[in-house]
């Protein structure tokens, strides 16, 4: 889910998204990040950071960024053996 790095001489160059990992899991994460944007007719709960990304970035860039964030959250929960607590993430209606 992260951009590939082509760094040289102290300059960071981020390229296209990497294709490493499970293709099916990557697809599920992107679909899950796309879902709040698709259901605009119903009042969906959108995280403030997703709304701010949508304000300045194209929709696909914002959804892949949110999928990356979800993957990092899932990884942290799995490695620490904790459960997800949604109360810590502020959510507002879009």
PDB file of N, CA and C in Angstrom:
ATOM      1  N   UNK A   1       0.805  -1.194   0.000  1.00  0.00           N
ATOM      2  CA  UNK A   1       0.000   0.000   0.000  1.00  0.00           C
ATOM      3  C   UNK A   1       0.853   1.265   0.000  1.00  0.00           C
ATOM      4  N   UNK A   2       2.137   1.137   0.219  1.00  0.00           N
ATOM      5  CA  UNK A   2       2.973   2.329   0.280  1.00  0.00           C
ATOM      6  C   UNK A   2       3.698   2.547  -1.043  1.00  0.00           C
ATOM      7  N   UNK A   3       4.059   3.800  -1.343  1.00  0.00           N
ATOM      8  CA  UNK A   3       4.790   4.062  -2.588  1.00  0.00           C
ATOM      9  C   UNK A   3       6.183   3.446  -2.547  1.00  0.00           C
ATOM     10  N   UNK A   4       6.634   2.985  -3.693  1.00  0.00           N
ATOM     11  CA  UNK A   4       7.987   2.456  -3.803  1.00  0.00           C
ATOM     12  C   UNK A   4       8.980   3.609  -3.752  1.00  0.00           C
ATOM     13  N   UNK A   5      10.112   3.372  -3.093  1.00  0.00           N
ATOM     14  CA  UNK A   5      11.114   4.418  -2.965  1.00  0.00           C
ATOM     15  C   UNK A   5      12.233   4.212  -3.977  1.00  0.00           C
ATOM     16  N   UNK A   6      12.606   5.286  -4.624  1.00  0.00           N
ATOM     17  CA  UNK A   6      13.784   5.316  -5.486  1.00  0.00           C
ATOM     18  C   UNK A   6      14.641   6.472  -5.000  1.00  0.00           C
ATOM     19  N   UNK A   7      15.279   6.287  -3.855  1.00  0.00           N
ATOM     20  CA  UNK A   7      16.053   7.359  -3.243  1.00  0.00           C
ATOM     21  C   UNK A   7      17.518   7.230  -3.622  1.00  0.00           C
ATOM     22  N   UNK A   8      18.138   8.391  -3.848  1.00  0.00           N
ATOM     23  CA  UNK A   8      19.547   8.400  -4.186  1.00  0.00           C
ATOM     24  C   UNK A   8      20.111   9.770  -3.855  1.00  0.00           C
ATOM     25  N   UNK A   9      21.290   9.787  -3.272  1.00  0.00           N
ATOM     26  CA  UNK A   9      21.964  11.047  -2.997  1.00  0.00           C
ATOM     27  C   UNK A   9      21.225  11.926  -2.003  1.00  0.00           C
ATOM     28  N   UNK A  10      20.481  11.321  -1.101  1.00  0.00           N
ATOM     29  CA  UNK A  10      19.770  12.093  -0.089  1.00  0.00           C
ATOM     30  C   UNK A  10      18.413  12.615  -0.542  1.00  0.00           C
ATOM     31  N   UNK A  11      18.060  12.396  -1.819  1.00  0.00           N
ATOM     32  CA  UNK A  11      16.758  12.840  -2.304  1.00  0.00           C
ATOM     33  C   UNK A  11      15.770  11.677  -2.227  1.00  0.00           C
ATOM     34  N   UNK A  12      14.624  11.939  -1.634  1.00  0.00           N
ATOM     35  CA  UNK A  12      13.596  10.917  -1.551  1.00  0.00           C
ATOM     36  C   UNK A  12      12.681  11.034  -2.759  1.00  0.00           C
ATOM     37  N   UNK A  13      12.533   9.944  -3.481  1.00  0.00           N
ATOM     38  CA  UNK A  13      11.631   9.902  -4.628  1.00  0.00           C
ATOM     39  C   UNK A  13      10.652   8.765  -4.408  1.00  0.00           C
ATOM     40  N   UNK A  14       9.383   9.117  -4.300  1.00  0.00           N
ATOM     41  CA  UNK A  14       8.359   8.107  -4.111  1.00  0.00           C
ATOM     42  C   UNK A  14       7.673   7.848  -5.444  1.00  0.00           C
ATOM     43  N   UNK A  15       7.596   6.581  -5.813  1.00  0.00           N
ATOM     44  CA  UNK A  15       7.000   6.207  -7.088  1.00  0.00           C
ATOM     45  C   UNK A  15       5.583   5.675  -6.915  1.00  0.00           C
ATOM     46  N   UNK A  16       5.202   4.779  -7.809  1.00  0.00           N
ATOM     47  CA  UNK A  16       3.862   4.199  -7.769  1.00  0.00           C
ATOM     48  C   UNK A  16       3.732   3.285  -6.558  1.00  0.00           C
ATOM     49  N   UNK A  17       2.503   2.874  -6.274  1.00  0.00           N
ATOM     50  CA  UNK A  17       2.272   1.986  -5.144  1.00  0.00           C
ATOM     51  C   UNK A  17       2.860   0.617  -5.416  1.00  0.00           C
ATOM     52  N   UNK A  18       3.419   0.028  -4.381  1.00  0.00           N
ATOM     53  CA  UNK A  18       4.013  -1.296  -4.506  1.00  0.00           C
ATOM     54  C   UNK A  18       2.959  -2.375  -4.648  1.00  0.00           C
ATOM     55  N   UNK A  19       3.344  -3.483  -5.237  1.00  0.00           N
ATOM     56  CA  UNK A  19       2.428  -4.592  -5.457  1.00  0.00           C
ATOM     57  C   UNK A  19       2.758  -5.774  -4.548  1.00  0.00           C
ATOM     58  N   UNK A  20       3.525  -5.536  -3.485  1.00  0.00           N
ATOM     59  CA  UNK A  20       3.893  -6.621  -2.597  1.00  0.00           C
ATOM     60  C   UNK A  20       2.723  -6.957  -1.681  1.00  0.00           C
ATOM     61  N   UNK A  21       2.719  -8.167  -1.190  1.00  0.00           N
ATOM     62  CA  UNK A  21       1.678  -8.582  -0.270  1.00  0.00           C
ATOM     63  C   UNK A  21       0.519  -9.264  -0.981  1.00  0.00           C
ATOM     64  N   UNK A  22      -0.494  -9.571  -0.206  1.00  0.00           N
ATOM     65  CA  UNK A  22      -1.655 -10.293  -0.705  1.00  0.00           C
ATOM     66  C   UNK A  22      -2.547  -9.359  -1.518  1.00  0.00           C
ATOM     67  N   UNK A  23      -2.765  -9.692  -2.791  1.00  0.00           N
ATOM     68  CA  UNK A  23      -3.561  -8.860  -3.687  1.00  0.00           C
ATOM     69  C   UNK A  23      -5.004  -8.743  -3.201  1.00  0.00           C
ATOM     70  N   UNK A  24      -5.556  -9.852  -2.715  1.00  0.00           N
ATOM     71  CA  UNK A  24      -6.938  -9.859  -2.250  1.00  0.00           C
ATOM     72  C   UNK A  24      -7.106  -8.949  -1.029  1.00  0.00           C
ATOM     73  N   UNK A  25      -6.167  -8.994  -0.099  1.00  0.00           N
ATOM     74  CA  UNK A  25      -6.237  -8.147   1.097  1.00  0.00           C
ATOM     75  C   UNK A  25      -6.101  -6.673   0.742  1.00  0.00           C
ATOM     76  N   UNK A  26      -5.187  -6.344  -0.197  1.00  0.00           N
ATOM     77  CA  UNK A  26      -5.053  -4.958  -0.647  1.00  0.00           C
ATOM     78  C   UNK A  26      -6.356  -4.467  -1.260  1.00  0.00           C
ATOM     79  N   UNK A  27      -6.977  -5.307  -2.080  1.00  0.00           N
ATOM     80  CA  UNK A  27      -8.230  -4.939  -2.730  1.00  0.00           C
ATOM     81  C   UNK A  27      -9.331  -4.699  -1.699  1.00  0.00           C
ATOM     82  N   UNK A  28      -9.413  -5.565  -0.685  1.00  0.00           N
ATOM     83  CA  UNK A  28     -10.428  -5.389   0.359  1.00  0.00           C
ATOM     84  C   UNK A  28     -10.227  -4.086   1.133  1.00  0.00           C
ATOM     85  N   UNK A  29      -8.987  -3.741   1.410  1.00  0.00           N
ATOM     86  CA  UNK A  29      -8.715  -2.502   2.132  1.00  0.00           C
ATOM     87  C   UNK A  29      -9.109  -1.281   1.303  1.00  0.00           C
ATOM     88  N   UNK A  30      -8.826  -1.300   0.014  1.00  0.00           N
ATOM     89  CA  UNK A  30      -9.189  -0.172  -0.842  1.00  0.00           C
ATOM     90  C   UNK A  30     -10.706  -0.074  -0.993  1.00  0.00           C
ATOM     91  N   UNK A  31     -11.377  -1.211  -1.134  1.00  0.00           N
ATOM     92  CA  UNK A  31     -12.843  -1.193  -1.231  1.00  0.00           C
ATOM     93  C   UNK A  31     -13.450  -0.669   0.062  1.00  0.00           C
ATOM     94  N   UNK A  32     -12.891  -1.083   1.192  1.00  0.00           N
ATOM     95  CA  UNK A  32     -13.385  -0.589   2.481  1.00  0.00           C
ATOM     96  C   UNK A  32     -13.172   0.901   2.650  1.00  0.00           C
ATOM     97  N   UNK A  33     -12.074   1.417   2.122  1.00  0.00           N
ATOM     98  CA  UNK A  33     -11.822   2.855   2.210  1.00  0.00           C
ATOM     99  C   UNK A  33     -12.686   3.634   1.227  1.00  0.00           C
ATOM    100  N   UNK A  34     -13.118   2.980   0.149  1.00  0.00           N
ATOM    101  CA  UNK A  34     -13.952   3.633  -0.858  1.00  0.00           C
ATOM    102  C   UNK A  34     -15.413   3.694  -0.418  1.00  0.00           C
ATOM    103  N   UNK A  35     -15.836   2.786   0.427  1.00  0.00           N
ATOM    104  CA  UNK A  35     -17.250   2.655   0.791  1.00  0.00           C
ATOM    105  C   UNK A  35     -17.887   3.941   1.326  1.00  0.00           C
ATOM    106  N   UNK A  36     -17.280   4.686   2.261  1.00  0.00           N
ATOM    107  CA  UNK A  36     -17.953   5.910   2.730  1.00  0.00           C
ATOM    108  C   UNK A  36     -18.168   6.932   1.623  1.00  0.00           C
ATOM    109  N   UNK A  37     -17.297   6.947   0.646  1.00  0.00           N
ATOM    110  CA  UNK A  37     -17.421   7.904  -0.450  1.00  0.00           C
ATOM    111  C   UNK A  37     -18.540   7.502  -1.421  1.00  0.00           C
ATOM    112  N   UNK A  38     -18.782   6.196  -1.558  1.00  0.00           N
ATOM    113  CA  UNK A  38     -19.785   5.721  -2.509  1.00  0.00           C
ATOM    114  C   UNK A  38     -21.214   5.968  -2.036  1.00  0.00           C
ATOM    115  N   UNK A  39     -21.442   5.906  -0.745  1.00  0.00           N
ATOM    116  CA  UNK A  39     -22.788   6.032  -0.210  1.00  0.00           C
ATOM    117  C   UNK A  39     -23.054   7.463   0.231  1.00  0.00           C
ATOM    118  N   UNK A  40     -23.039   8.375  -0.729  1.00  0.00           N
ATOM    119  CA  UNK A  40     -23.264   9.790  -0.426  1.00  0.00           C
ATOM    120  C   UNK A  40     -24.730  10.095  -0.166  1.00  0.00           C
ATOM    121  N   UNK A  41     -25.640   9.245  -0.679  1.00  0.00           N
ATOM    122  CA  UNK A  41     -27.068   9.520  -0.498  1.00  0.00           C
ATOM    123  C   UNK A  41     -27.478   9.351   0.959  1.00  0.00           C
ATOM    124  N   UNK A  42     -26.839   8.422   1.651  1.00  0.00           N
ATOM    125  CA  UNK A  42     -27.106   8.233   3.071  1.00  0.00           C
ATOM    126  C   UNK A  42     -26.078   9.005   3.883  1.00  0.00           C
ATOM    127  N   UNK A  43     -26.461   9.506   5.050  1.00  0.00           N
ATOM    128  CA  UNK A  43     -25.465  10.219   5.870  1.00  0.00           C
ATOM    129  C   UNK A  43     -24.417   9.243   6.405  1.00  0.00           C
ATOM    130  N   UNK A  44     -23.267   9.223   5.775  1.00  0.00           N
ATOM    131  CA  UNK A  44     -22.191   8.320   6.189  1.00  0.00           C
ATOM    132  C   UNK A  44     -21.261   9.038   7.166  1.00  0.00           C
ATOM    133  N   UNK A  45     -20.685   8.261   8.049  1.00  0.00           N
ATOM    134  CA  UNK A  45     -19.709   8.821   8.977  1.00  0.00           C
ATOM    135  C   UNK A  45     -18.340   8.770   8.320  1.00  0.00           C
ATOM    136  N   UNK A  46     -17.753   9.929   8.141  1.00  0.00           N
ATOM    137  CA  UNK A  46     -16.446  10.029   7.500  1.00  0.00           C
ATOM    138  C   UNK A  46     -15.485  10.652   8.499  1.00  0.00           C
ATOM    139  N   UNK A  47     -14.327  10.035   8.644  1.00  0.00           N
ATOM    140  CA  UNK A  47     -13.318  10.565   9.549  1.00  0.00           C
ATOM    141  C   UNK A  47     -12.840  11.922   9.043  1.00  0.00           C
ATOM    142  N   UNK A  48     -12.512  12.839   9.955  1.00  0.00           N
ATOM    143  CA  UNK A  48     -12.073  14.175   9.540  1.00  0.00           C
ATOM    144  C   UNK A  48     -10.818  14.156   8.667  1.00  0.00           C
ATOM    145  N   UNK A  49      -9.901  13.229   8.923  1.00  0.00           N
ATOM    146  CA  UNK A  49      -8.697  13.190   8.094  1.00  0.00           C
ATOM    147  C   UNK A  49      -9.023  12.731   6.674  1.00  0.00           C
ATOM    148  N   UNK A  50     -10.022  11.870   6.509  1.00  0.00           N
ATOM    149  CA  UNK A  50     -10.446  11.458   5.171  1.00  0.00           C
ATOM    150  C   UNK A  50     -11.126  12.614   4.452  1.00  0.00           C
ATOM    151  N   UNK A  51     -11.944  13.385   5.173  1.00  0.00           N
ATOM    152  CA  UNK A  51     -12.602  14.544   4.564  1.00  0.00           C
ATOM    153  C   UNK A  51     -11.575  15.586   4.131  1.00  0.00           C
ATOM    154  N   UNK A  52     -10.537  15.793   4.934  1.00  0.00           N
ATOM    155  CA  UNK A  52      -9.510  16.772   4.560  1.00  0.00           C
ATOM    156  C   UNK A  52      -8.684  16.282   3.372  1.00  0.00           C
ATOM    157  N   UNK A  53      -8.452  14.960   3.299  1.00  0.00           N
ATOM    158  CA  UNK A  53      -7.757  14.421   2.128  1.00  0.00           C
ATOM    159  C   UNK A  53      -8.586  14.590   0.869  1.00  0.00           C
ATOM    160  N   UNK A  54      -9.893  14.354   0.975  1.00  0.00           N
ATOM    161  CA  UNK A  54     -10.766  14.491  -0.186  1.00  0.00           C
ATOM    162  C   UNK A  54     -10.851  15.935  -0.662  1.00  0.00           C
ATOM    163  N   UNK A  55     -10.642  16.869   0.247  1.00  0.00           N
ATOM    164  CA  UNK A  55     -10.715  18.280  -0.127  1.00  0.00           C
ATOM    165  C   UNK A  55      -9.543  18.696  -1.008  1.00  0.00           C
ATOM    166  N   UNK A  56      -8.391  18.047  -0.850  1.00  0.00           N
ATOM    167  CA  UNK A  56      -7.213  18.506  -1.593  1.00  0.00           C
ATOM    168  C   UNK A  56      -6.605  17.469  -2.529  1.00  0.00           C
ATOM    169  N   UNK A  57      -7.078  16.227  -2.495  1.00  0.00           N
ATOM    170  CA  UNK A  57      -6.515  15.178  -3.341  1.00  0.00           C
ATOM    171  C   UNK A  57      -7.608  14.521  -4.174  1.00  0.00           C
ATOM    172  N   UNK A  58      -7.249  13.880  -5.275  1.00  0.00           N
ATOM    173  CA  UNK A  58      -8.241  13.109  -6.032  1.00  0.00           C
ATOM    174  C   UNK A  58      -8.795  11.956  -5.198  1.00  0.00           C
ATOM    175  N   UNK A  59      -9.970  11.479  -5.582  1.00  0.00           N
ATOM    176  CA  UNK A  59     -10.671  10.467  -4.792  1.00  0.00           C
ATOM    177  C   UNK A  59      -9.848   9.194  -4.652  1.00  0.00           C
ATOM    178  N   UNK A  60      -9.252   8.710  -5.732  1.00  0.00           N
ATOM    179  CA  UNK A  60      -8.497   7.451  -5.660  1.00  0.00           C
ATOM    180  C   UNK A  60      -7.246   7.590  -4.798  1.00  0.00           C
ATOM    181  N   UNK A  61      -6.590   8.732  -4.854  1.00  0.00           N
ATOM    182  CA  UNK A  61      -5.406   8.956  -4.017  1.00  0.00           C
ATOM    183  C   UNK A  61      -5.812   8.963  -2.544  1.00  0.00           C
ATOM    184  N   UNK A  62      -6.922   9.614  -2.233  1.00  0.00           N
ATOM    185  CA  UNK A  62      -7.389   9.677  -0.850  1.00  0.00           C
ATOM    186  C   UNK A  62      -7.815   8.305  -0.346  1.00  0.00           C
ATOM    187  N   UNK A  63      -8.488   7.509  -1.187  1.00  0.00           N
ATOM    188  CA  UNK A  63      -8.926   6.194  -0.725  1.00  0.00           C
ATOM    189  C   UNK A  63      -7.749   5.252  -0.508  1.00  0.00           C
ATOM    190  N   UNK A  64      -6.734   5.319  -1.348  1.00  0.00           N
ATOM    191  CA  UNK A  64      -5.559   4.466  -1.145  1.00  0.00           C
ATOM    192  C   UNK A  64      -4.797   4.915   0.097  1.00  0.00           C
ATOM    193  N   UNK A  65      -4.750   6.206   0.355  1.00  0.00           N
ATOM    194  CA  UNK A  65      -4.110   6.697   1.579  1.00  0.00           C
ATOM    195  C   UNK A  65      -4.858   6.206   2.820  1.00  0.00           C
ATOM    196  N   UNK A  66      -6.189   6.208   2.760  1.00  0.00           N
ATOM    197  CA  UNK A  66      -6.969   5.710   3.897  1.00  0.00           C
ATOM    198  C   UNK A  66      -6.828   4.196   4.044  1.00  0.00           C
ATOM    199  N   UNK A  67      -6.725   3.490   2.925  1.00  0.00           N
ATOM    200  CA  UNK A  67      -6.503   2.041   2.989  1.00  0.00           C
ATOM    201  C   UNK A  67      -5.152   1.747   3.625  1.00  0.00           C
ATOM    202  N   UNK A  68      -4.148   2.555   3.306  1.00  0.00           N
ATOM    203  CA  UNK A  68      -2.827   2.409   3.925  1.00  0.00           C
ATOM    204  C   UNK A  68      -2.916   2.638   5.426  1.00  0.00           C
ATOM    205  N   UNK A  69      -3.679   3.648   5.831  1.00  0.00           N
ATOM    206  CA  UNK A  69      -3.837   3.932   7.251  1.00  0.00           C
ATOM    207  C   UNK A  69      -4.561   2.786   7.957  1.00  0.00           C
ATOM    208  N   UNK A  70      -5.598   2.245   7.313  1.00  0.00           N
ATOM    209  CA  UNK A  70      -6.312   1.110   7.902  1.00  0.00           C
ATOM    210  C   UNK A  70      -5.400  -0.099   8.040  1.00  0.00           C
ATOM    211  N   UNK A  71      -4.536  -0.333   7.051  1.00  0.00           N
ATOM    212  CA  UNK A  71      -3.603  -1.458   7.114  1.00  0.00           C
ATOM    213  C   UNK A  71      -2.641  -1.285   8.282  1.00  0.00           C
ATOM    214  N   UNK A  72      -2.169  -0.053   8.506  1.00  0.00           N
ATOM    215  CA  UNK A  72      -1.264   0.190   9.644  1.00  0.00           C
ATOM    216  C   UNK A  72      -1.970  -0.005  10.974  1.00  0.00           C
ATOM    217  N   UNK A  73      -3.250   0.385  11.056  1.00  0.00           N
ATOM    218  CA  UNK A  73      -4.020   0.189  12.287  1.00  0.00           C
ATOM    219  C   UNK A  73      -4.210  -1.300  12.556  1.00  0.00           C
ATOM    220  N   UNK A  74      -4.574  -2.049  11.507  1.00  0.00           N
ATOM    221  CA  UNK A  74      -4.772  -3.493  11.650  1.00  0.00           C
ATOM    222  C   UNK A  74      -3.482  -4.172  12.075  1.00  0.00           C
ATOM    223  N   UNK A  75      -2.374  -3.775  11.474  1.00  0.00           N
ATOM    224  CA  UNK A  75      -1.081  -4.365  11.831  1.00  0.00           C
ATOM    225  C   UNK A  75      -0.742  -4.087  13.291  1.00  0.00           C
ATOM    226  N   UNK A  76      -0.966  -2.858  13.744  1.00  0.00           N
ATOM    227  CA  UNK A  76      -0.665  -2.520  15.139  1.00  0.00           C
ATOM    228  C   UNK A  76      -1.547  -3.317  16.098  1.00  0.00           C
ATOM    229  N   UNK A  77      -2.808  -3.487  15.748  1.00  0.00           N
ATOM    230  CA  UNK A  77      -3.703  -4.262  16.606  1.00  0.00           C
ATOM    231  C   UNK A  77      -3.288  -5.727  16.672  1.00  0.00           C
ATOM    232  N   UNK A  78      -2.878  -6.268  15.538  1.00  0.00           N
ATOM    233  CA  UNK A  78      -2.472  -7.675  15.519  1.00  0.00           C
ATOM    234  C   UNK A  78      -1.180  -7.902  16.292  1.00  0.00           C
ATOM    235  N   UNK A  79      -0.210  -7.008  16.150  1.00  0.00           N
ATOM    236  CA  UNK A  79       1.072  -7.222  16.821  1.00  0.00           C
ATOM    237  C   UNK A  79       0.970  -7.003  18.322  1.00  0.00           C
ATOM    238  N   UNK A  80       0.102  -6.093  18.745  1.00  0.00           N
ATOM    239  CA  UNK A  80      -0.051  -5.828  20.178  1.00  0.00           C
ATOM    240  C   UNK A  80      -1.080  -6.723  20.844  1.00  0.00           C
ATOM    241  N   UNK A  81      -1.894  -7.407  20.049  1.00  0.00           N
ATOM    242  CA  UNK A  81      -2.921  -8.282  20.614  1.00  0.00           C
ATOM    243  C   UNK A  81      -4.058  -7.522  21.265  1.00  0.00           C
ATOM    244  N   UNK A  82      -4.303  -6.314  20.820  1.00  0.00           N
ATOM    245  CA  UNK A  82      -5.355  -5.488  21.400  1.00  0.00           C
ATOM    246  C   UNK A  82      -6.626  -5.586  20.573  1.00  0.00           C
ATOM    247  N   UNK A  83      -7.691  -4.938  21.067  1.00  0.00           N
ATOM    248  CA  UNK A  83      -8.935  -4.835  20.316  1.00  0.00           C
ATOM    249  C   UNK A  83      -9.108  -3.395  19.871  1.00  0.00           C
ATOM    250  N   UNK A  84      -9.860  -3.217  18.811  1.00  0.00           N
ATOM    251  CA  UNK A  84     -10.072  -1.886  18.244  1.00  0.00           C
ATOM    252  C   UNK A  84     -11.030  -1.096  19.116  1.00  0.00           C
ATOM    253  N   UNK A  85     -10.646   0.145  19.444  1.00  0.00           N
ATOM    254  CA  UNK A  85     -11.496   1.022  20.237  1.00  0.00           C
ATOM    255  C   UNK A  85     -11.822   2.252  19.389  1.00  0.00           C
ATOM    256  N   UNK A  86     -13.036   2.279  18.876  1.00  0.00           N
ATOM    257  CA  UNK A  86     -13.438   3.356  17.960  1.00  0.00           C
ATOM    258  C   UNK A  86     -13.646   4.680  18.680  1.00  0.00           C
ATOM    259  N   UNK A  87     -13.790   4.680  19.981  1.00  0.00           N
ATOM    260  CA  UNK A  87     -14.021   5.916  20.725  1.00  0.00           C
ATOM    261  C   UNK A  87     -12.835   6.870  20.649  1.00  0.00           C
ATOM    262  N   UNK A  88     -11.660   6.361  20.329  1.00  0.00           N
ATOM    263  CA  UNK A  88     -10.475   7.202  20.274  1.00  0.00           C
ATOM    264  C   UNK A  88     -10.332   7.943  18.957  1.00  0.00           C
ATOM    265  N   UNK A  89     -11.122   7.564  17.951  1.00  0.00           N
ATOM    266  CA  UNK A  89     -11.055   8.214  16.650  1.00  0.00           C
ATOM    267  C   UNK A  89     -12.277   9.107  16.485  1.00  0.00           C
ATOM    268  N   UNK A  90     -12.088  10.416  16.350  1.00  0.00           N
ATOM    269  CA  UNK A  90     -13.242  11.296  16.181  1.00  0.00           C
ATOM    270  C   UNK A  90     -13.902  11.088  14.827  1.00  0.00           C
ATOM    271  N   UNK A  91     -15.218  10.938  14.843  1.00  0.00           N
ATOM    272  CA  UNK A  91     -15.988  10.715  13.608  1.00  0.00           C
ATOM    273  C   UNK A  91     -17.081  11.746  13.552  1.00  0.00           C
ATOM    274  N   UNK A  92     -17.265  12.323  12.348  1.00  0.00           N
ATOM    275  CA  UNK A  92     -18.340  13.285  12.165  1.00  0.00           C
ATOM    276  C   UNK A  92     -19.155  12.890  10.939  1.00  0.00           C
ATOM    277  N   UNK A  93     -20.374  13.368  10.883  1.00  0.00           N
ATOM    278  CA  UNK A  93     -21.232  13.062   9.736  1.00  0.00           C
ATOM    279  C   UNK A  93     -20.825  13.935   8.553  1.00  0.00           C
ATOM    280  N   UNK A  94     -20.860  13.325   7.374  1.00  0.00           N
ATOM    281  CA  UNK A  94     -20.466  14.073   6.160  1.00  0.00           C
ATOM    282  C   UNK A  94     -21.640  14.798   5.561  1.00  0.00           C
TER     283      UNK A  94
END
